[in-house]
Amino acid sequence: MQTIVLAVRTFQSVGVSDINRRCTGQIEGAGTESAHYKNGGGHAVDFYMLNGTPLTGADGYSLRLIGMLDPIVPRAHESGRRTFRAAAGVTIATTNFGQIDDTGNHLHIDFLYATGAYVGSQQ
């Protein structure tokens, strides 16, 4: 939820297409192994739009959100869309985010294997 709060405070509009598949019973993509489903679900968030612009994972808004989050998230978070970034000729260096392949038109932010809390978090 902290990631969604940060996005809402940063961008004028935010579109979230997926959070917790376990809650909705939705099984697609990675199925029950998805961070949206596994271990109770809700360990990932998919953003499909920021400021009214569809996301690809290689676009400026996706890169801005990843850049804002990378210094403050615990290690082992994942940001999807590595394949789209490579195809677009976009490379990014991250410290705390791992990068995964993903499909569809969205930016997948994954917390399933993260350790620790956000920097500055009270947790």
N, C-alpha and C. Protein backbone atom coordinates (compact mmCIF):
# COMPACT_ATOMS: atom_id res chain seq x y z
N MET A 1 0.82 -1.19 0.00
CA MET A 1 0.00 0.00 0.00
C MET A 1 0.87 1.26 0.00
N GLN A 2 2.05 1.19 0.61
CA GLN A 2 2.92 2.37 0.64
C GLN A 2 3.31 2.79 -0.77
N THR A 3 3.48 1.85 -1.66
CA THR A 3 3.84 2.16 -3.04
C THR A 3 2.71 2.90 -3.73
N ILE A 4 1.48 2.45 -3.52
CA ILE A 4 0.33 3.12 -4.11
C ILE A 4 0.18 4.53 -3.54
N VAL A 5 0.37 4.69 -2.24
CA VAL A 5 0.29 6.01 -1.61
C VAL A 5 1.33 6.94 -2.21
N LEU A 6 2.56 6.47 -2.37
CA LEU A 6 3.60 7.29 -2.97
C LEU A 6 3.22 7.70 -4.39
N ALA A 7 2.70 6.77 -5.16
CA ALA A 7 2.30 7.07 -6.54
C ALA A 7 1.18 8.11 -6.56
N VAL A 8 0.19 7.97 -5.69
CA VAL A 8 -0.93 8.90 -5.65
C VAL A 8 -0.47 10.30 -5.24
N ARG A 9 0.50 10.36 -4.36
CA ARG A 9 1.03 11.65 -3.92
C ARG A 9 1.94 12.30 -4.97
N THR A 10 2.45 11.52 -5.90
CA THR A 10 3.41 12.02 -6.88
C THR A 10 2.76 12.37 -8.22
N PHE A 11 1.81 11.56 -8.65
CA PHE A 11 1.21 11.73 -9.97
C PHE A 11 -0.23 12.23 -9.83
N GLN A 12 -0.71 12.95 -10.84
CA GLN A 12 -2.07 13.50 -10.78
C GLN A 12 -3.14 12.41 -10.85
N SER A 13 -2.86 11.36 -11.60
CA SER A 13 -3.78 10.23 -11.66
C SER A 13 -2.98 8.94 -11.71
N VAL A 14 -3.54 7.90 -11.10
CA VAL A 14 -2.87 6.61 -10.98
C VAL A 14 -3.88 5.52 -11.32
N GLY A 15 -3.49 4.61 -12.20
CA GLY A 15 -4.33 3.47 -12.53
C GLY A 15 -3.68 2.19 -12.04
N VAL A 16 -4.40 1.45 -11.18
CA VAL A 16 -3.93 0.17 -10.65
C VAL A 16 -4.82 -0.92 -11.23
N SER A 17 -4.21 -1.91 -11.86
CA SER A 17 -5.00 -2.96 -12.50
C SER A 17 -5.01 -4.27 -11.71
N ASP A 18 -4.10 -4.43 -10.75
CA ASP A 18 -4.06 -5.70 -10.03
C ASP A 18 -3.34 -5.52 -8.70
N ILE A 19 -3.93 -6.08 -7.66
CA ILE A 19 -3.28 -6.09 -6.35
C ILE A 19 -3.32 -7.50 -5.77
N ASN A 20 -4.51 -7.97 -5.41
CA ASN A 20 -4.62 -9.23 -4.69
C ASN A 20 -5.54 -10.20 -5.43
N ARG A 21 -4.95 -11.14 -6.15
CA ARG A 21 -5.74 -12.13 -6.89
C ARG A 21 -6.31 -13.20 -5.96
N ARG A 22 -5.69 -13.44 -4.85
CA ARG A 22 -6.21 -14.44 -3.91
C ARG A 22 -7.58 -13.99 -3.42
N CYS A 23 -7.72 -12.70 -3.18
CA CYS A 23 -8.97 -12.13 -2.69
C CYS A 23 -10.09 -12.25 -3.73
N THR A 24 -9.74 -12.06 -5.00
CA THR A 24 -10.74 -12.09 -6.06
C THR A 24 -10.90 -13.47 -6.70
N GLY A 25 -9.96 -14.39 -6.41
CA GLY A 25 -10.00 -15.71 -7.01
C GLY A 25 -9.50 -15.73 -8.45
N GLN A 26 -8.93 -14.64 -8.90
CA GLN A 26 -8.41 -14.52 -10.26
C GLN A 26 -7.10 -15.29 -10.38
N ILE A 27 -7.02 -16.17 -11.37
CA ILE A 27 -5.79 -16.91 -11.62
C ILE A 27 -5.46 -16.76 -13.10
N GLU A 28 -4.36 -16.06 -13.36
CA GLU A 28 -3.90 -15.86 -14.74
C GLU A 28 -2.40 -15.66 -14.70
N GLY A 29 -1.78 -15.53 -15.84
CA GLY A 29 -0.34 -15.28 -15.88
C GLY A 29 0.44 -16.34 -15.13
N ALA A 30 1.09 -15.95 -14.04
CA ALA A 30 1.90 -16.88 -13.24
C ALA A 30 1.03 -17.76 -12.34
N GLY A 31 -0.27 -17.61 -12.41
CA GLY A 31 -1.19 -18.45 -11.64
C GLY A 31 -1.01 -18.32 -10.14
N THR A 32 -1.02 -19.44 -9.45
CA THR A 32 -0.92 -19.42 -7.99
C THR A 32 0.49 -19.10 -7.51
N GLU A 33 1.46 -19.03 -8.41
CA GLU A 33 2.83 -18.65 -8.05
C GLU A 33 3.05 -17.14 -8.13
N SER A 34 2.05 -16.42 -8.62
CA SER A 34 2.14 -14.97 -8.75
C SER A 34 2.19 -14.31 -7.38
N ALA A 35 2.96 -13.24 -7.25
CA ALA A 35 2.99 -12.46 -6.01
C ALA A 35 1.63 -11.83 -5.72
N HIS A 36 0.78 -11.74 -6.72
CA HIS A 36 -0.59 -11.25 -6.52
C HIS A 36 -1.44 -12.30 -5.81
N TYR A 37 -1.00 -13.57 -5.81
CA TYR A 37 -1.80 -14.68 -5.29
C TYR A 37 -1.11 -15.43 -4.14
N LYS A 38 0.17 -15.74 -4.31
CA LYS A 38 0.91 -16.61 -3.39
C LYS A 38 0.97 -16.03 -1.97
N ASN A 39 1.03 -16.92 -1.00
CA ASN A 39 1.16 -16.54 0.42
C ASN A 39 0.10 -15.54 0.87
N GLY A 40 -1.12 -15.76 0.46
CA GLY A 40 -2.22 -14.89 0.86
C GLY A 40 -2.51 -13.77 -0.12
N GLY A 41 -1.65 -13.58 -1.10
CA GLY A 41 -1.87 -12.56 -2.13
C GLY A 41 -1.52 -11.16 -1.64
N GLY A 42 -1.57 -10.22 -2.57
CA GLY A 42 -1.34 -8.83 -2.24
C GLY A 42 0.11 -8.42 -2.11
N HIS A 43 1.03 -9.22 -2.64
CA HIS A 43 2.47 -8.92 -2.52
C HIS A 43 3.01 -8.21 -3.77
N ALA A 44 2.11 -7.75 -4.62
CA ALA A 44 2.52 -7.03 -5.83
C ALA A 44 1.43 -6.05 -6.22
N VAL A 45 1.82 -5.06 -6.97
CA VAL A 45 0.86 -4.10 -7.51
C VAL A 45 1.21 -3.86 -8.97
N ASP A 46 0.20 -3.83 -9.82
CA ASP A 46 0.37 -3.53 -11.22
C ASP A 46 -0.22 -2.15 -11.51
N PHE A 47 0.62 -1.26 -11.98
CA PHE A 47 0.18 0.06 -12.42
C PHE A 47 0.02 0.00 -13.94
N TYR A 48 -1.12 0.42 -14.45
CA TYR A 48 -1.31 0.43 -15.90
C TYR A 48 -1.29 1.85 -16.47
N MET A 49 -1.36 2.86 -15.58
CA MET A 49 -1.42 4.23 -16.05
C MET A 49 -0.90 5.18 -14.98
N LEU A 50 -0.18 6.20 -15.38
CA LEU A 50 0.20 7.32 -14.51
C LEU A 50 -0.03 8.60 -15.30
N ASN A 51 -0.66 9.57 -14.67
CA ASN A 51 -0.97 10.86 -15.32
C ASN A 51 -1.69 10.69 -16.66
N GLY A 52 -2.57 9.69 -16.73
CA GLY A 52 -3.36 9.47 -17.93
C GLY A 52 -2.62 8.80 -19.07
N THR A 53 -1.37 8.39 -18.83
CA THR A 53 -0.55 7.77 -19.87
C THR A 53 -0.39 6.28 -19.59
N PRO A 54 -0.73 5.43 -20.56
CA PRO A 54 -0.52 3.99 -20.38
C PRO A 54 0.96 3.68 -20.16
N LEU A 55 1.23 2.71 -19.31
CA LEU A 55 2.60 2.35 -18.97
C LEU A 55 3.07 1.15 -19.77
N THR A 56 4.36 1.13 -20.07
CA THR A 56 4.99 0.00 -20.75
C THR A 56 6.12 -0.60 -19.92
N GLY A 57 6.54 0.09 -18.89
CA GLY A 57 7.70 -0.33 -18.11
C GLY A 57 8.98 0.30 -18.63
N ALA A 58 8.93 0.82 -19.86
CA ALA A 58 10.10 1.49 -20.46
C ALA A 58 9.83 2.97 -20.68
N ASP A 59 8.62 3.41 -20.40
CA ASP A 59 8.25 4.81 -20.62
C ASP A 59 8.76 5.69 -19.47
N GLY A 60 8.71 6.99 -19.67
CA GLY A 60 9.23 7.93 -18.69
C GLY A 60 8.57 7.85 -17.33
N TYR A 61 7.24 7.66 -17.29
CA TYR A 61 6.56 7.58 -15.99
C TYR A 61 6.93 6.31 -15.24
N SER A 62 7.06 5.18 -15.96
CA SER A 62 7.49 3.94 -15.31
C SER A 62 8.88 4.10 -14.71
N LEU A 63 9.78 4.68 -15.51
CA LEU A 63 11.15 4.87 -15.04
C LEU A 63 11.21 5.84 -13.87
N ARG A 64 10.35 6.85 -13.90
CA ARG A 64 10.31 7.81 -12.78
C ARG A 64 9.85 7.11 -11.49
N LEU A 65 8.81 6.29 -11.58
CA LEU A 65 8.32 5.59 -10.39
C LEU A 65 9.37 4.60 -9.87
N ILE A 66 9.98 3.85 -10.75
CA ILE A 66 11.04 2.92 -10.33
C ILE A 66 12.18 3.69 -9.68
N GLY A 67 12.58 4.81 -10.29
CA GLY A 67 13.66 5.62 -9.74
C GLY A 67 13.34 6.20 -8.37
N MET A 68 12.08 6.55 -8.15
CA MET A 68 11.67 7.07 -6.84
C MET A 68 11.65 5.96 -5.79
N LEU A 69 11.22 4.78 -6.19
CA LEU A 69 11.07 3.68 -5.24
C LEU A 69 12.39 2.98 -4.91
N ASP A 70 13.26 2.83 -5.90
CA ASP A 70 14.47 2.02 -5.72
C ASP A 70 15.29 2.39 -4.47
N PRO A 71 15.52 3.64 -4.17
CA PRO A 71 16.34 3.95 -2.99
C PRO A 71 15.65 3.66 -1.65
N ILE A 72 14.32 3.51 -1.66
CA ILE A 72 13.62 3.39 -0.38
C ILE A 72 12.99 2.02 -0.12
N VAL A 73 12.97 1.15 -1.12
CA VAL A 73 12.39 -0.19 -0.91
C VAL A 73 13.47 -1.15 -0.43
N PRO A 74 13.06 -2.16 0.35
CA PRO A 74 14.05 -3.17 0.76
C PRO A 74 14.51 -3.99 -0.44
N ARG A 75 15.65 -4.62 -0.31
CA ARG A 75 16.18 -5.46 -1.39
C ARG A 75 15.21 -6.59 -1.73
N ALA A 76 15.35 -7.07 -2.94
CA ALA A 76 14.59 -8.20 -3.48
C ALA A 76 13.21 -7.81 -3.99
N HIS A 77 12.90 -6.54 -4.03
CA HIS A 77 11.70 -6.13 -4.75
C HIS A 77 11.98 -6.37 -6.23
N GLU A 78 10.95 -6.50 -7.00
CA GLU A 78 11.13 -6.70 -8.44
C GLU A 78 10.28 -5.70 -9.20
N SER A 79 10.82 -5.21 -10.28
CA SER A 79 10.04 -4.37 -11.18
C SER A 79 10.00 -5.06 -12.53
N GLY A 80 8.81 -5.32 -12.99
CA GLY A 80 8.65 -6.05 -14.24
C GLY A 80 8.88 -5.18 -15.46
N ARG A 81 8.99 -5.82 -16.57
CA ARG A 81 9.07 -5.20 -17.89
C ARG A 81 10.48 -5.10 -18.42
N ARG A 82 11.40 -5.89 -17.92
CA ARG A 82 12.76 -5.89 -18.43
C ARG A 82 12.78 -6.10 -19.95
N THR A 83 11.96 -6.99 -20.47
CA THR A 83 11.96 -7.27 -21.90
C THR A 83 11.53 -6.05 -22.70
N PHE A 84 10.54 -5.32 -22.22
CA PHE A 84 10.09 -4.13 -22.93
C PHE A 84 11.15 -3.04 -22.88
N ARG A 85 11.82 -2.90 -21.74
CA ARG A 85 12.89 -1.90 -21.64
C ARG A 85 14.01 -2.24 -22.62
N ALA A 86 14.39 -3.51 -22.68
CA ALA A 86 15.45 -3.92 -23.59
C ALA A 86 15.04 -3.68 -25.04
N ALA A 87 13.82 -4.03 -25.40
CA ALA A 87 13.34 -3.83 -26.76
C ALA A 87 13.29 -2.35 -27.13
N ALA A 88 13.05 -1.50 -26.13
CA ALA A 88 12.98 -0.05 -26.38
C ALA A 88 14.36 0.60 -26.30
N GLY A 89 15.37 -0.20 -26.01
CA GLY A 89 16.72 0.34 -25.88
C GLY A 89 16.94 1.10 -24.58
N VAL A 90 16.11 0.80 -23.59
CA VAL A 90 16.19 1.49 -22.30
C VAL A 90 16.81 0.54 -21.28
N THR A 91 17.85 0.99 -20.63
CA THR A 91 18.43 0.21 -19.53
C THR A 91 18.41 1.07 -18.28
N ILE A 92 18.20 0.43 -17.16
CA ILE A 92 18.23 1.15 -15.89
C ILE A 92 19.08 0.35 -14.90
N ALA A 93 19.77 1.07 -14.07
CA ALA A 93 20.54 0.44 -13.01
C ALA A 93 19.77 0.64 -11.72
N THR A 94 19.52 -0.43 -11.02
CA THR A 94 18.80 -0.34 -9.75
C THR A 94 19.64 -0.96 -8.65
N THR A 95 19.42 -0.49 -7.45
CA THR A 95 20.13 -1.01 -6.28
C THR A 95 19.31 -2.06 -5.56
N ASN A 96 18.05 -1.76 -5.30
CA ASN A 96 17.20 -2.65 -4.51
C ASN A 96 16.21 -3.46 -5.34
N PHE A 97 15.88 -3.00 -6.52
CA PHE A 97 14.95 -3.71 -7.38
C PHE A 97 15.67 -4.74 -8.22
N GLY A 98 15.15 -5.96 -8.23
CA GLY A 98 15.52 -6.92 -9.25
C GLY A 98 14.62 -6.65 -10.44
N GLN A 99 14.99 -7.08 -11.61
CA GLN A 99 14.15 -6.85 -12.78
C GLN A 99 13.74 -8.19 -13.38
N ILE A 100 12.47 -8.28 -13.70
CA ILE A 100 11.91 -9.53 -14.21
C ILE A 100 11.26 -9.29 -15.57
N ASP A 101 11.03 -10.37 -16.28
CA ASP A 101 10.26 -10.30 -17.52
C ASP A 101 8.79 -10.34 -17.16
N ASP A 102 7.98 -9.67 -17.93
CA ASP A 102 6.55 -9.63 -17.67
C ASP A 102 5.83 -9.36 -18.98
N THR A 103 4.55 -9.61 -19.00
CA THR A 103 3.76 -9.38 -20.20
C THR A 103 2.68 -8.35 -19.93
N GLY A 104 2.05 -7.85 -20.97
CA GLY A 104 0.96 -6.91 -20.84
C GLY A 104 1.42 -5.47 -20.78
N ASN A 105 0.50 -4.56 -20.72
CA ASN A 105 0.80 -3.13 -20.68
C ASN A 105 0.63 -2.59 -19.27
N HIS A 106 1.66 -2.78 -18.47
CA HIS A 106 1.63 -2.31 -17.09
C HIS A 106 3.04 -2.32 -16.51
N LEU A 107 3.18 -1.76 -15.33
CA LEU A 107 4.43 -1.84 -14.59
C LEU A 107 4.15 -2.67 -13.34
N HIS A 108 4.78 -3.81 -13.25
CA HIS A 108 4.61 -4.75 -12.13
C HIS A 108 5.66 -4.43 -11.06
N ILE A 109 5.20 -4.14 -9.84
CA ILE A 109 6.10 -3.92 -8.71
C ILE A 109 5.81 -5.04 -7.72
N ASP A 110 6.83 -5.84 -7.40
CA ASP A 110 6.66 -7.11 -6.69
C ASP A 110 7.40 -7.08 -5.35
N PHE A 111 6.71 -7.47 -4.29
CA PHE A 111 7.26 -7.44 -2.94
C PHE A 111 7.37 -8.83 -2.30
N LEU A 112 7.08 -9.88 -3.04
CA LEU A 112 6.97 -11.22 -2.47
C LEU A 112 8.21 -11.65 -1.71
N TYR A 113 9.38 -11.40 -2.25
CA TYR A 113 10.60 -11.87 -1.60
C TYR A 113 11.41 -10.73 -0.96
N ALA A 114 10.77 -9.60 -0.74
CA ALA A 114 11.46 -8.46 -0.12
C ALA A 114 11.75 -8.75 1.34
N THR A 115 12.86 -8.22 1.80
CA THR A 115 13.23 -8.35 3.21
C THR A 115 13.38 -6.96 3.80
N GLY A 116 12.85 -6.77 4.98
CA GLY A 116 12.95 -5.47 5.62
C GLY A 116 11.77 -4.58 5.27
N ALA A 117 11.89 -3.31 5.64
CA ALA A 117 10.81 -2.34 5.44
C ALA A 117 11.31 -1.20 4.56
N TYR A 118 10.38 -0.40 4.09
CA TYR A 118 10.74 0.82 3.38
C TYR A 118 11.66 1.66 4.25
N VAL A 119 12.59 2.37 3.64
CA VAL A 119 13.43 3.33 4.37
C VAL A 119 12.52 4.37 4.98
N GLY A 120 12.69 4.64 6.23
CA GLY A 120 11.86 5.62 6.92
C GLY A 120 10.56 5.05 7.44
N SER A 121 10.29 3.80 7.16
CA SER A 121 9.05 3.18 7.64
C SER A 121 9.13 2.91 9.12
N GLN A 122 8.00 2.95 9.78
CA GLN A 122 7.94 2.69 11.22
C GLN A 122 7.87 1.19 11.52
N GLN A 123 7.88 0.36 10.48
CA GLN A 123 7.75 -1.09 10.69
C GLN A 123 9.06 -1.71 11.06
